[in-house]
Structure formats: C-alpha cells, structure tokens
C-alpha cells in the first residue's frame, strides 16, 4: 500500500467515524427530548415604560421608606 493511499484510507476512516459519532449524538439527543415530553414555550413579558408621574410616585415611595 502506497503512502498516498494509506493517507486516503485514513481520511476516509476519520470521515465515516465522525459521521457515525454525529448520528449517535443526534439519536441520543432526540431520545432525551422524547423522554422529556413536549416542550413548554416560555411566554415573553413585555417591559412597559413608566410615565413620568409613575416614576415620580416611585421616587416618593423610596424617599419616604428611607
């Protein structure tokens, strides 16, 4: 076996091994997700900007608490 063909065989072996590893990881991940059940989506909470009056009333509460 020539050196070039040996290197080619090595590259091919590494490539197939990587593909198999990736497929195994994917199968494991999918099985884990299936065990967990349906995913629950988190609801996004919108941040509401306070008006100047509301900000003033909060500041008054903070100063009275101190």
Protein backbone atom coordinates (compact mmCIF):
# COMPACT_ATOMS: atom_id res chain seq x y z
CA UNK A 1 0.00 0.00 0.00
CA UNK A 2 1.49 3.34 -1.01
CA UNK A 3 1.73 6.21 1.40
CA UNK A 4 -0.84 8.28 -0.52
CA UNK A 5 -3.44 5.52 -0.49
CA UNK A 6 -2.76 4.93 3.21
CA UNK A 7 -3.43 8.61 3.92
CA UNK A 8 -6.56 8.48 1.76
CA UNK A 9 -7.85 5.47 3.68
CA UNK A 10 -7.11 7.22 6.96
CA UNK A 11 -9.03 10.34 5.90
CA UNK A 12 -11.98 8.21 4.76
CA UNK A 13 -11.99 6.32 8.05
CA UNK A 14 -11.92 9.56 10.05
CA UNK A 15 -14.75 10.97 7.95
CA UNK A 16 -17.02 7.93 8.40
CA UNK A 17 -16.22 7.73 12.12
CA UNK A 18 -17.15 11.40 12.55
CA UNK A 19 -20.42 10.89 10.66
CA UNK A 20 -21.28 7.92 12.87
CA UNK A 21 -20.44 9.84 16.04
CA UNK A 22 -22.61 12.78 14.96
CA UNK A 23 -25.50 10.45 14.13
CA UNK A 24 -25.16 8.72 17.51
CA UNK A 25 -25.16 12.05 19.35
CA UNK A 26 -28.21 13.19 17.41
CA UNK A 27 -30.09 9.98 18.18
CA UNK A 28 -29.20 10.29 21.85
CA UNK A 29 -30.37 13.92 21.93
CA UNK A 30 -33.66 13.05 20.21
CA UNK A 31 -34.28 10.19 22.63
CA UNK A 32 -33.63 12.50 25.56
CA UNK A 33 -36.08 15.07 24.20
CA UNK A 34 -38.69 12.37 23.62
CA UNK A 35 -38.38 11.27 27.24
CA UNK A 36 -38.78 14.83 28.46
CA UNK A 37 -42.14 15.17 26.73
CA UNK A 38 -43.49 18.16 24.84
CA UNK A 39 -41.50 21.34 25.27
CA UNK A 40 -43.20 24.18 27.09
CA UNK A 41 -42.73 27.52 25.44
CA UNK A 42 -41.83 30.41 27.70
CA UNK A 43 -44.03 33.44 27.41
CA UNK A 44 -42.35 36.72 26.70
CA UNK A 45 -43.12 39.52 29.08
CA UNK A 46 -43.21 42.97 27.58
CA UNK A 47 -41.49 45.65 29.58
CA UNK A 48 -43.71 48.66 29.99
CA UNK A 49 -42.09 52.06 30.21
CA UNK A 50 -43.38 54.05 33.14
CA UNK A 51 -44.68 57.56 32.68
CA UNK A 52 -43.02 60.49 34.44
CA UNK A 53 -45.84 60.61 37.01
CA UNK A 54 -45.40 56.94 37.89
CA UNK A 55 -41.64 57.39 38.15
CA UNK A 56 -42.18 60.37 40.46
CA UNK A 57 -44.52 58.39 42.70
CA UNK A 58 -41.96 55.55 42.92
CA UNK A 59 -39.23 58.01 43.90
CA UNK A 60 -41.52 59.47 46.56
CA UNK A 61 -42.15 55.98 47.98
CA UNK A 62 -38.39 55.26 48.07
CA UNK A 63 -37.58 58.52 49.88
CA UNK A 64 -40.39 58.02 52.41
CA UNK A 65 -39.19 54.47 53.11
CA UNK A 66 -35.71 55.73 53.98
